[in-house]
Amino acid sequence: MNITMPKVDILQVLISAAAIFGIVLVWYDFNVKVFERTHDFLNATDEEMEIRRKESKERRIPEEMKRLEEKKRIEEEEAMGKTD
């Protein structure tokens, strides 16, 4: 009776192991970042949260101003096109 071992393609095993390792590494890094961010938010004082809100608002205001100016410019161009 001749019992043979199944043929294993070493290259395929290495590629599969590398792919799984890469996926696990990305998943681990993501979870660490989520944990750290959540931990920071849960431990933040009211003063720190207010500072973060102000910083976020300061970043949003210029973006909103640009968007409104662009919208106004487009409306003016459309109005000029309709009257000509």
C-alpha atoms as a PDB file:
ATOM      1  CA  MET A   1       0.000   0.000   0.000  1.00  0.00           C
ATOM      2  CA  ASN A   2       1.450   3.292  -1.134  1.00  0.00           C
ATOM      3  CA  ILE A   3       0.331   6.299   0.905  1.00  0.00           C
ATOM      4  CA  THR A   4       1.387   9.565  -0.661  1.00  0.00           C
ATOM      5  CA  MET A   5       1.454  12.955   0.878  1.00  0.00           C
ATOM      6  CA  PRO A   6      -0.681  15.569  -0.847  1.00  0.00           C
ATOM      7  CA  LYS A   7       1.336  17.879  -3.040  1.00  0.00           C
ATOM      8  CA  VAL A   8       1.755  21.322  -1.518  1.00  0.00           C
ATOM      9  CA  ASP A   9       2.719  24.280  -3.616  1.00  0.00           C
ATOM     10  CA  ILE A  10       5.161  26.154  -1.376  1.00  0.00           C
ATOM     11  CA  LEU A  11       4.855  29.380  -3.364  1.00  0.00           C
ATOM     12  CA  GLN A  12       1.059  29.373  -3.022  1.00  0.00           C
ATOM     13  CA  VAL A  13       1.337  28.760   0.730  1.00  0.00           C
ATOM     14  CA  LEU A  14       3.780  31.659   1.109  1.00  0.00           C
ATOM     15  CA  ILE A  15       1.592  34.012  -0.935  1.00  0.00           C
ATOM     16  CA  SER A  16      -1.500  33.059   1.077  1.00  0.00           C
ATOM     17  CA  ALA A  17       0.342  33.502   4.363  1.00  0.00           C
ATOM     18  CA  ALA A  18       1.642  36.929   3.282  1.00  0.00           C
ATOM     19  CA  ALA A  19      -1.858  38.021   2.233  1.00  0.00           C
ATOM     20  CA  ILE A  20      -3.372  36.890   5.523  1.00  0.00           C
ATOM     21  CA  PHE A  21      -0.568  38.579   7.478  1.00  0.00           C
ATOM     22  CA  GLY A  22      -1.117  41.836   5.560  1.00  0.00           C
ATOM     23  CA  ILE A  23      -4.853  41.790   6.201  1.00  0.00           C
ATOM     24  CA  VAL A  24      -4.343  41.062   9.894  1.00  0.00           C
ATOM     25  CA  LEU A  25      -1.778  43.854  10.160  1.00  0.00           C
ATOM     26  CA  VAL A  26      -4.118  46.422   8.566  1.00  0.00           C
ATOM     27  CA  TRP A  27      -7.038  45.240  10.742  1.00  0.00           C
ATOM     28  CA  TYR A  28      -4.896  45.455  13.891  1.00  0.00           C
ATOM     29  CA  ASP A  29      -3.662  48.958  13.025  1.00  0.00           C
ATOM     30  CA  PHE A  30      -7.235  50.112  12.383  1.00  0.00           C
ATOM     31  CA  ASN A  31      -8.447  48.731  15.702  1.00  0.00           C
ATOM     32  CA  VAL A  32      -5.569  50.337  17.604  1.00  0.00           C
ATOM     33  CA  LYS A  33      -6.378  53.733  16.071  1.00  0.00           C
ATOM     34  CA  VAL A  34     -10.080  53.366  16.875  1.00  0.00           C
ATOM     35  CA  PHE A  35      -9.278  52.361  20.459  1.00  0.00           C
ATOM     36  CA  GLU A  36      -6.888  55.294  20.956  1.00  0.00           C
ATOM     37  CA  ARG A  37      -9.322  57.822  19.487  1.00  0.00           C
ATOM     38  CA  THR A  38     -12.218  56.491  21.561  1.00  0.00           C
ATOM     39  CA  HIS A  39     -10.067  56.452  24.688  1.00  0.00           C
ATOM     40  CA  ASP A  40      -9.049  60.077  24.055  1.00  0.00           C
ATOM     41  CA  PHE A  41     -12.676  61.171  23.617  1.00  0.00           C
ATOM     42  CA  LEU A  42     -13.875  59.351  26.699  1.00  0.00           C
ATOM     43  CA  ASN A  43     -11.102  60.815  28.850  1.00  0.00           C
ATOM     44  CA  ALA A  44     -11.264  64.331  27.464  1.00  0.00           C
ATOM     45  CA  THR A  45     -12.403  67.081  29.803  1.00  0.00           C
ATOM     46  CA  ASP A  46     -15.137  69.520  28.880  1.00  0.00           C
ATOM     47  CA  GLU A  47     -12.508  72.193  28.181  1.00  0.00           C
ATOM     48  CA  GLU A  48     -10.650  69.949  25.750  1.00  0.00           C
ATOM     49  CA  MET A  49     -13.897  69.077  23.966  1.00  0.00           C
ATOM     50  CA  GLU A  50     -14.756  72.767  23.613  1.00  0.00           C
ATOM     51  CA  ILE A  51     -11.314  73.434  22.119  1.00  0.00           C
ATOM     52  CA  ARG A  52     -11.818  70.594  19.629  1.00  0.00           C
ATOM     53  CA  ARG A  53     -15.243  71.946  18.653  1.00  0.00           C
ATOM     54  CA  LYS A  54     -13.802  75.426  18.057  1.00  0.00           C
ATOM     55  CA  GLU A  55     -10.951  74.034  15.952  1.00  0.00           C
ATOM     56  CA  SER A  56     -13.412  72.025  13.884  1.00  0.00           C
ATOM     57  CA  LYS A  57     -15.645  75.064  13.389  1.00  0.00           C
ATOM     58  CA  GLU A  58     -12.664  77.233  12.381  1.00  0.00           C
ATOM     59  CA  ARG A  59     -11.780  74.720   9.688  1.00  0.00           C
ATOM     60  CA  ARG A  60     -15.356  74.460   8.380  1.00  0.00           C
ATOM     61  CA  ILE A  61     -16.076  78.202   8.087  1.00  0.00           C
ATOM     62  CA  PRO A  62     -13.589  78.981   5.251  1.00  0.00           C
ATOM     63  CA  GLU A  63     -14.744  75.905   3.327  1.00  0.00           C
ATOM     64  CA  GLU A  64     -18.367  76.969   3.680  1.00  0.00           C
ATOM     65  CA  MET A  65     -17.538  80.535   2.593  1.00  0.00           C
ATOM     66  CA  LYS A  66     -15.827  79.258  -0.576  1.00  0.00           C
ATOM     67  CA  ARG A  67     -18.798  77.040  -1.364  1.00  0.00           C
ATOM     68  CA  LEU A  68     -21.290  79.904  -0.935  1.00  0.00           C
ATOM     69  CA  GLU A  69     -19.176  82.259  -3.068  1.00  0.00           C
ATOM     70  CA  GLU A  70     -19.011  79.658  -5.839  1.00  0.00           C
ATOM     71  CA  LYS A  71     -22.769  79.117  -5.644  1.00  0.00           C
ATOM     72  CA  LYS A  72     -23.393  82.882  -5.836  1.00  0.00           C
ATOM     73  CA  ARG A  73     -21.035  83.217  -8.831  1.00  0.00           C
ATOM     74  CA  ILE A  74     -22.841  80.420 -10.686  1.00  0.00           C
ATOM     75  CA  GLU A  75     -26.256  81.970  -9.954  1.00  0.00           C
ATOM     76  CA  GLU A  76     -25.019  85.360 -11.248  1.00  0.00           C
ATOM     77  CA  GLU A  77     -23.674  83.759 -14.430  1.00  0.00           C
ATOM     78  CA  GLU A  78     -26.996  81.982 -14.990  1.00  0.00           C
ATOM     79  CA  ALA A  79     -28.921  85.216 -14.379  1.00  0.00           C
ATOM     80  CA  MET A  80     -26.700  87.094 -16.880  1.00  0.00           C
ATOM     81  CA  GLY A  81     -27.158  84.330 -19.434  1.00  0.00           C
ATOM     82  CA  LYS A  82     -30.952  84.489 -19.135  1.00  0.00           C
ATOM     83  CA  THR A  83     -31.159  88.272 -19.609  1.00  0.00           C
ATOM     84  CA  ASP A  84     -28.857  88.439 -22.652  1.00  0.00           C
END
